[in-house]
């Protein structure tokens, strides 16, 4: 399957574009109404599109004039007729209005998607980072740096 035909790759691209644009409507459009998210930040889980929209509104509004650039690495997926699952490593870089990278972090993502009325939507998302056994701190860089 080519990258262009892979719904997981298309969803990741739409995710990155909506985050960079801070476009809440475009962001939530890739999720199913009954989405269940195991997010890495704050809440143990978020259920339903209203809760996920509220998270996105808060996140995007907190950025001010910054943008977040999302880069994808090691994306792999399995696609069947109406269901797909994929996982990847995502890098998030906060970029100032002048283009300077202010901070960055990496995390892991797994998405479960289903095709409904001809459109692929995420119905489950799980993000994570490995935890250092000695410090119990999340490792937010793929290379192991803190």
N, C-alpha and C. Protein backbone atom coordinates (compact mmCIF):
# COMPACT_ATOMS: atom_id res chain seq x y z
N UNK A 1 0.84 -1.17 0.00
CA UNK A 1 0.00 0.00 0.00
C UNK A 1 0.89 1.24 0.00
N UNK A 2 0.61 2.15 -0.88
CA UNK A 2 1.42 3.37 -0.94
C UNK A 2 1.05 4.29 0.22
N UNK A 3 1.97 5.19 0.54
CA UNK A 3 1.72 6.15 1.61
C UNK A 3 0.45 6.94 1.34
N UNK A 4 0.22 7.27 0.08
CA UNK A 4 -0.95 8.05 -0.30
C UNK A 4 -2.25 7.27 -0.05
N UNK A 5 -2.21 5.94 -0.17
CA UNK A 5 -3.39 5.12 0.03
C UNK A 5 -3.58 4.68 1.48
N UNK A 6 -2.60 4.86 2.32
CA UNK A 6 -2.65 4.39 3.70
C UNK A 6 -3.43 5.38 4.56
N UNK A 7 -4.59 4.97 5.10
CA UNK A 7 -5.37 5.91 5.92
C UNK A 7 -4.62 6.38 7.16
N UNK A 8 -3.74 5.54 7.71
CA UNK A 8 -2.96 5.94 8.87
C UNK A 8 -2.03 7.10 8.52
N UNK A 9 -1.35 6.99 7.40
CA UNK A 9 -0.46 8.08 6.96
C UNK A 9 -1.25 9.36 6.69
N UNK A 10 -2.42 9.22 6.08
CA UNK A 10 -3.26 10.40 5.80
C UNK A 10 -3.75 11.05 7.10
N UNK A 11 -4.14 10.22 8.06
CA UNK A 11 -4.61 10.75 9.35
C UNK A 11 -3.46 11.48 10.06
N UNK A 12 -2.26 10.89 10.05
CA UNK A 12 -1.11 11.54 10.69
C UNK A 12 -0.80 12.88 10.02
N UNK A 13 -0.91 12.93 8.71
CA UNK A 13 -0.66 14.19 7.99
C UNK A 13 -1.72 15.23 8.38
N UNK A 14 -2.98 14.83 8.42
CA UNK A 14 -4.05 15.76 8.81
C UNK A 14 -3.87 16.22 10.25
N UNK A 15 -3.43 15.31 11.11
CA UNK A 15 -3.16 15.64 12.51
C UNK A 15 -2.08 16.74 12.57
N UNK A 16 -0.95 16.50 11.90
CA UNK A 16 0.16 17.46 11.92
C UNK A 16 -0.26 18.82 11.36
N UNK A 17 -1.01 18.81 10.26
CA UNK A 17 -1.45 20.06 9.65
C UNK A 17 -2.40 20.83 10.56
N UNK A 18 -3.34 20.13 11.18
CA UNK A 18 -4.31 20.82 12.05
C UNK A 18 -3.65 21.36 13.30
N UNK A 19 -2.67 20.63 13.84
CA UNK A 19 -1.95 21.11 15.03
C UNK A 19 -1.15 22.36 14.66
N UNK A 20 -0.43 22.31 13.56
CA UNK A 20 0.38 23.48 13.17
C UNK A 20 -0.50 24.71 12.94
N UNK A 21 -1.68 24.51 12.34
CA UNK A 21 -2.60 25.61 12.07
C UNK A 21 -3.43 26.01 13.29
N UNK A 22 -3.34 25.21 14.38
CA UNK A 22 -4.16 25.42 15.57
C UNK A 22 -5.64 25.47 15.19
N UNK A 23 -6.02 24.56 14.29
CA UNK A 23 -7.38 24.50 13.75
C UNK A 23 -8.16 23.41 14.49
N UNK A 24 -8.92 23.81 15.50
CA UNK A 24 -9.65 22.86 16.33
C UNK A 24 -10.63 22.05 15.49
N UNK A 25 -11.36 22.68 14.59
CA UNK A 25 -12.34 21.95 13.77
C UNK A 25 -11.68 20.88 12.92
N UNK A 26 -10.57 21.22 12.28
CA UNK A 26 -9.85 20.24 11.46
C UNK A 26 -9.28 19.13 12.33
N UNK A 27 -8.82 19.48 13.51
CA UNK A 27 -8.26 18.50 14.44
C UNK A 27 -9.31 17.48 14.84
N UNK A 28 -10.45 17.93 15.33
CA UNK A 28 -11.47 16.99 15.80
C UNK A 28 -12.14 16.25 14.64
N UNK A 29 -12.05 16.77 13.43
CA UNK A 29 -12.68 16.12 12.27
C UNK A 29 -12.08 14.75 11.98
N UNK A 30 -10.87 14.47 12.44
CA UNK A 30 -10.25 13.16 12.18
C UNK A 30 -10.62 12.13 13.25
N UNK A 31 -11.42 12.53 14.23
CA UNK A 31 -11.81 11.65 15.32
C UNK A 31 -13.29 11.30 15.24
N UNK A 32 -13.63 10.10 15.69
CA UNK A 32 -15.01 9.65 15.78
C UNK A 32 -15.68 10.32 16.99
N UNK A 33 -16.97 10.46 16.93
CA UNK A 33 -17.71 11.07 18.03
C UNK A 33 -17.51 10.33 19.34
N UNK A 34 -17.32 9.00 19.27
CA UNK A 34 -17.16 8.19 20.49
C UNK A 34 -15.69 7.90 20.81
N UNK A 35 -14.80 8.79 20.38
CA UNK A 35 -13.37 8.59 20.61
C UNK A 35 -13.06 8.40 22.09
N UNK A 36 -12.10 7.52 22.35
CA UNK A 36 -11.59 7.30 23.71
C UNK A 36 -10.08 7.45 23.62
N UNK A 37 -9.54 8.43 24.36
CA UNK A 37 -8.12 8.76 24.27
C UNK A 37 -7.44 8.50 25.61
N UNK A 38 -6.36 7.72 25.55
CA UNK A 38 -5.45 7.60 26.67
C UNK A 38 -4.32 8.57 26.38
N UNK A 39 -4.47 9.79 26.86
CA UNK A 39 -3.52 10.85 26.57
C UNK A 39 -2.40 10.80 27.60
N UNK A 40 -1.26 11.34 27.22
CA UNK A 40 -0.10 11.33 28.09
C UNK A 40 -0.12 12.51 29.07
N UNK A 41 -0.99 13.47 28.86
CA UNK A 41 -0.93 14.72 29.61
C UNK A 41 -2.19 14.92 30.44
N UNK A 42 -2.02 15.09 31.72
CA UNK A 42 -3.11 15.51 32.59
C UNK A 42 -4.10 14.43 32.97
N UNK A 43 -5.02 14.14 32.10
CA UNK A 43 -6.11 13.21 32.40
C UNK A 43 -5.70 11.77 32.12
N UNK A 44 -6.26 10.86 32.90
CA UNK A 44 -6.02 9.44 32.67
C UNK A 44 -6.57 9.04 31.31
N UNK A 45 -7.79 9.53 30.99
CA UNK A 45 -8.38 9.29 29.68
C UNK A 45 -9.42 10.36 29.40
N UNK A 46 -9.72 10.51 28.14
CA UNK A 46 -10.77 11.44 27.69
C UNK A 46 -11.73 10.64 26.83
N UNK A 47 -13.03 10.80 27.08
CA UNK A 47 -14.02 10.04 26.33
C UNK A 47 -14.98 10.99 25.63
N UNK A 48 -15.17 10.76 24.34
CA UNK A 48 -16.10 11.54 23.55
C UNK A 48 -15.46 12.74 22.90
N UNK A 49 -16.06 13.13 21.78
CA UNK A 49 -15.49 14.21 20.98
C UNK A 49 -15.56 15.55 21.71
N UNK A 50 -16.57 15.77 22.58
CA UNK A 50 -16.66 17.04 23.31
C UNK A 50 -15.47 17.21 24.25
N UNK A 51 -15.09 16.15 24.96
CA UNK A 51 -13.93 16.22 25.86
C UNK A 51 -12.65 16.43 25.07
N UNK A 52 -12.53 15.76 23.92
CA UNK A 52 -11.33 15.89 23.10
C UNK A 52 -11.24 17.29 22.48
N UNK A 53 -12.39 17.83 22.06
CA UNK A 53 -12.42 19.20 21.53
C UNK A 53 -11.98 20.19 22.62
N UNK A 54 -12.49 20.03 23.83
CA UNK A 54 -12.12 20.94 24.92
C UNK A 54 -10.61 20.90 25.17
N UNK A 55 -10.01 19.70 25.11
CA UNK A 55 -8.56 19.58 25.29
C UNK A 55 -7.85 20.35 24.17
N UNK A 56 -8.28 20.16 22.92
CA UNK A 56 -7.63 20.84 21.79
C UNK A 56 -7.78 22.35 21.89
N UNK A 57 -8.96 22.82 22.27
CA UNK A 57 -9.17 24.27 22.42
C UNK A 57 -8.21 24.84 23.46
N UNK A 58 -8.07 24.16 24.59
CA UNK A 58 -7.17 24.63 25.64
C UNK A 58 -5.72 24.60 25.17
N UNK A 59 -5.31 23.49 24.53
CA UNK A 59 -3.94 23.35 24.05
C UNK A 59 -3.61 24.44 23.04
N UNK A 60 -4.42 24.57 22.01
CA UNK A 60 -4.12 25.53 20.95
C UNK A 60 -4.15 26.97 21.46
N UNK A 61 -5.10 27.29 22.34
CA UNK A 61 -5.17 28.67 22.84
C UNK A 61 -3.99 28.99 23.76
N UNK A 62 -3.39 27.98 24.38
CA UNK A 62 -2.25 28.21 25.27
C UNK A 62 -0.98 28.56 24.50
N UNK A 63 -0.99 28.37 23.20
CA UNK A 63 0.24 28.54 22.41
C UNK A 63 0.54 29.98 22.03
N UNK A 64 -0.42 30.88 22.15
CA UNK A 64 -0.18 32.26 21.74
C UNK A 64 0.21 32.31 20.27
N UNK A 65 1.33 33.00 19.97
CA UNK A 65 1.76 33.10 18.57
C UNK A 65 2.70 31.96 18.16
N UNK A 66 2.93 31.01 19.06
CA UNK A 66 3.74 29.84 18.72
C UNK A 66 2.95 28.88 17.84
N UNK A 67 3.67 28.07 17.10
CA UNK A 67 3.11 26.95 16.36
C UNK A 67 3.76 25.68 16.88
N UNK A 68 3.06 24.57 16.73
CA UNK A 68 3.65 23.28 17.06
C UNK A 68 3.80 22.51 15.76
N UNK A 69 5.04 22.14 15.48
CA UNK A 69 5.34 21.36 14.28
C UNK A 69 5.47 19.90 14.72
N UNK A 70 4.65 19.04 14.11
CA UNK A 70 4.66 17.61 14.43
C UNK A 70 5.37 16.87 13.32
N UNK A 71 6.38 16.08 13.69
CA UNK A 71 7.10 15.23 12.74
C UNK A 71 6.82 13.78 13.09
N UNK A 72 6.72 12.95 12.07
CA UNK A 72 6.39 11.54 12.24
C UNK A 72 7.59 10.68 11.86
N UNK A 73 7.85 9.65 12.66
CA UNK A 73 8.92 8.69 12.35
C UNK A 73 8.39 7.29 12.62
N UNK A 74 8.93 6.34 11.91
CA UNK A 74 8.66 4.92 12.13
C UNK A 74 7.18 4.57 12.11
N UNK A 75 6.42 5.16 11.20
CA UNK A 75 4.99 4.87 11.10
C UNK A 75 4.78 3.49 10.47
N UNK A 76 3.95 2.71 11.11
CA UNK A 76 3.60 1.37 10.62
C UNK A 76 2.11 1.18 10.84
N UNK A 77 1.46 0.53 9.89
CA UNK A 77 0.03 0.31 10.05
C UNK A 77 -0.39 -1.01 9.41
N UNK A 78 -1.53 -1.48 9.86
CA UNK A 78 -2.20 -2.62 9.28
C UNK A 78 -3.61 -2.17 8.95
N UNK A 79 -4.01 -2.35 7.70
CA UNK A 79 -5.30 -1.87 7.24
C UNK A 79 -6.10 -3.04 6.70
N UNK A 80 -7.34 -3.12 7.13
CA UNK A 80 -8.29 -4.08 6.59
C UNK A 80 -9.50 -3.28 6.11
N UNK A 81 -10.45 -3.91 5.54
CA UNK A 81 -11.57 -3.25 4.87
C UNK A 81 -12.12 -2.04 5.62
N UNK A 82 -12.54 -2.22 6.84
CA UNK A 82 -13.18 -1.13 7.58
C UNK A 82 -12.44 -0.74 8.86
N UNK A 83 -11.30 -1.38 9.12
CA UNK A 83 -10.55 -1.12 10.35
C UNK A 83 -9.06 -0.97 10.02
N UNK A 84 -8.40 -0.15 10.82
CA UNK A 84 -6.96 0.03 10.66
C UNK A 84 -6.36 0.36 12.02
N UNK A 85 -5.14 -0.06 12.21
CA UNK A 85 -4.40 0.30 13.41
C UNK A 85 -2.99 0.66 12.99
N UNK A 86 -2.43 1.64 13.67
CA UNK A 86 -1.07 2.04 13.34
C UNK A 86 -0.36 2.61 14.55
N UNK A 87 0.96 2.65 14.47
CA UNK A 87 1.75 3.24 15.55
C UNK A 87 2.91 4.00 14.93
N UNK A 88 3.38 5.01 15.66
CA UNK A 88 4.47 5.85 15.17
C UNK A 88 5.11 6.57 16.35
N UNK A 89 6.24 7.17 16.08
CA UNK A 89 6.86 8.10 17.02
C UNK A 89 6.59 9.50 16.50
N UNK A 90 6.15 10.38 17.38
CA UNK A 90 5.88 11.76 16.99
C UNK A 90 6.83 12.68 17.74
N UNK A 91 7.33 13.67 17.04
CA UNK A 91 8.14 14.72 17.65
C UNK A 91 7.35 16.01 17.54
N UNK A 92 7.25 16.71 18.66
CA UNK A 92 6.52 17.98 18.72
C UNK A 92 7.55 19.07 18.99
N UNK A 93 7.59 20.08 18.13
CA UNK A 93 8.50 21.21 18.33
C UNK A 93 7.68 22.50 18.39
N UNK A 94 7.79 23.22 19.50
CA UNK A 94 7.16 24.54 19.62
C UNK A 94 8.09 25.54 18.92
N UNK A 95 7.51 26.26 17.96
CA UNK A 95 8.28 27.17 17.13
C UNK A 95 7.74 28.59 17.32
N UNK A 96 8.63 29.54 17.56
CA UNK A 96 8.23 30.94 17.74
C UNK A 96 7.79 31.55 16.41
N UNK A 97 7.19 32.72 16.50
CA UNK A 97 6.77 33.44 15.29
C UNK A 97 7.95 33.73 14.37
N UNK A 98 9.15 33.84 14.94
CA UNK A 98 10.35 34.10 14.13
C UNK A 98 10.98 32.81 13.59
N UNK A 99 10.43 31.66 13.97
CA UNK A 99 10.93 30.39 13.45
C UNK A 99 11.91 29.66 14.34
N UNK A 100 12.16 30.17 15.53
CA UNK A 100 13.09 29.52 16.45
C UNK A 100 12.39 28.38 17.19
N UNK A 101 13.08 27.25 17.30
CA UNK A 101 12.54 26.14 18.08
C UNK A 101 12.74 26.48 19.56
N UNK A 102 11.64 26.54 20.29
CA UNK A 102 11.66 26.93 21.70
C UNK A 102 11.81 25.74 22.63
N UNK A 103 11.18 24.62 22.30
CA UNK A 103 11.22 23.40 23.10
C UNK A 103 10.69 22.27 22.23
N UNK A 104 10.99 21.05 22.64
CA UNK A 104 10.49 19.91 21.88
C UNK A 104 10.36 18.70 22.79
N UNK A 105 9.58 17.75 22.33
CA UNK A 105 9.44 16.48 23.02
C UNK A 105 9.00 15.43 22.01
N UNK A 106 9.21 14.18 22.39
CA UNK A 106 8.81 13.05 21.56
C UNK A 106 7.83 12.20 22.35
N UNK A 107 6.93 11.53 21.64
CA UNK A 107 6.11 10.52 22.29
C UNK A 107 5.72 9.45 21.29
N UNK A 108 5.12 8.41 21.80
CA UNK A 108 4.68 7.29 20.98
C UNK A 108 3.17 7.37 20.86
N UNK A 109 2.66 6.99 19.69
CA UNK A 109 1.22 7.03 19.47
C UNK A 109 0.76 5.75 18.80
N UNK A 110 -0.38 5.27 19.24
CA UNK A 110 -1.07 4.17 18.59
C UNK A 110 -2.48 4.64 18.30
N UNK A 111 -2.93 4.43 17.07
CA UNK A 111 -4.27 4.84 16.66
C UNK A 111 -5.05 3.64 16.14
N UNK A 112 -6.30 3.54 16.58
CA UNK A 112 -7.24 2.58 16.01
C UNK A 112 -8.28 3.39 15.25
N UNK A 113 -8.49 3.01 13.98
CA UNK A 113 -9.39 3.77 13.11
C UNK A 113 -10.42 2.84 12.50
N UNK A 114 -11.58 3.41 12.21
CA UNK A 114 -12.59 2.65 11.48
C UNK A 114 -13.14 3.54 10.37
N UNK A 115 -13.58 2.87 9.33
CA UNK A 115 -14.16 3.57 8.18
C UNK A 115 -15.67 3.63 8.39
N UNK A 116 -16.20 4.83 8.42
CA UNK A 116 -17.62 5.06 8.60
C UNK A 116 -18.10 6.02 7.54
N UNK A 117 -19.09 5.60 6.78
CA UNK A 117 -19.64 6.45 5.70
C UNK A 117 -18.53 6.95 4.79
N UNK A 118 -17.58 6.08 4.50
CA UNK A 118 -16.51 6.38 3.55
C UNK A 118 -15.33 7.17 4.10
N UNK A 119 -15.37 7.54 5.39
CA UNK A 119 -14.29 8.34 5.97
C UNK A 119 -13.63 7.59 7.13
N UNK A 120 -12.31 7.64 7.17
CA UNK A 120 -11.57 7.04 8.27
C UNK A 120 -11.57 8.00 9.45
N UNK A 121 -11.90 7.48 10.63
CA UNK A 121 -11.92 8.28 11.87
C UNK A 121 -11.21 7.50 12.97
N UNK A 122 -10.52 8.22 13.82
CA UNK A 122 -9.86 7.62 14.98
C UNK A 122 -10.91 7.39 16.06
N UNK A 123 -11.02 6.15 16.53
CA UNK A 123 -11.93 5.89 17.64
C UNK A 123 -11.17 5.59 18.93
N UNK A 124 -9.87 5.31 18.82
CA UNK A 124 -9.05 5.14 20.02
C UNK A 124 -7.65 5.65 19.73
N UNK A 125 -7.13 6.42 20.67
CA UNK A 125 -5.76 6.93 20.59
C UNK A 125 -5.09 6.66 21.92
N UNK A 126 -3.83 6.24 21.83
CA UNK A 126 -3.05 5.97 23.04
C UNK A 126 -1.67 6.59 22.83
N UNK A 127 -1.30 7.51 23.70
CA UNK A 127 0.04 8.09 23.63
C UNK A 127 0.80 7.70 24.89
N UNK A 128 2.12 7.62 24.74
CA UNK A 128 2.94 7.20 25.87
C UNK A 128 4.38 7.62 25.68
N UNK A 129 5.11 7.47 26.77
CA UNK A 129 6.56 7.66 26.77
C UNK A 129 7.11 6.66 27.78
N UNK A 130 8.30 6.13 27.54
CA UNK A 130 8.87 5.20 28.51
C UNK A 130 9.19 5.93 29.82
N UNK A 131 9.08 5.20 30.91
CA UNK A 131 9.36 5.74 32.24
C UNK A 131 10.70 5.20 32.72
N UNK A 132 11.56 6.11 33.16
CA UNK A 132 12.85 5.71 33.72
C UNK A 132 12.60 5.04 35.07
N UNK A 133 13.11 3.83 35.25
CA UNK A 133 12.87 3.09 36.49
C UNK A 133 13.46 3.78 37.72
N UNK A 134 14.60 4.39 37.59
CA UNK A 134 15.27 5.00 38.75
C UNK A 134 14.58 6.28 39.21
N UNK A 135 14.15 7.11 38.26
CA UNK A 135 13.59 8.41 38.63
C UNK A 135 12.07 8.48 38.54
N UNK A 136 11.46 7.51 37.86
CA UNK A 136 10.03 7.50 37.56
C UNK A 136 9.59 8.70 36.73
N UNK A 137 10.54 9.29 35.97
CA UNK A 137 10.23 10.39 35.06
C UNK A 137 10.08 9.84 33.64
N UNK A 138 9.16 10.44 32.90
CA UNK A 138 8.98 10.07 31.50
C UNK A 138 10.19 10.52 30.69
N UNK A 139 10.62 9.66 29.78
CA UNK A 139 11.68 10.02 28.83
C UNK A 139 11.00 10.65 27.62
N UNK A 140 11.18 11.93 27.42
CA UNK A 140 10.48 12.68 26.38
C UNK A 140 11.34 12.94 25.15
N UNK A 141 12.45 12.22 25.03
CA UNK A 141 13.30 12.28 23.84
C UNK A 141 13.61 10.85 23.41
N UNK A 142 13.48 10.57 22.14
CA UNK A 142 13.73 9.21 21.64
C UNK A 142 15.15 8.74 21.93
N UNK A 143 16.09 9.66 21.97
CA UNK A 143 17.49 9.27 22.19
C UNK A 143 17.78 8.97 23.66
N UNK A 144 16.78 9.08 24.51
CA UNK A 144 16.97 8.79 25.92
C UNK A 144 17.25 9.99 26.79
N UNK A 145 17.50 11.15 26.18
CA UNK A 145 17.75 12.35 26.97
C UNK A 145 16.47 12.79 27.68
N UNK A 146 16.61 13.45 28.78
CA UNK A 146 15.45 13.91 29.56
C UNK A 146 14.66 14.96 28.82
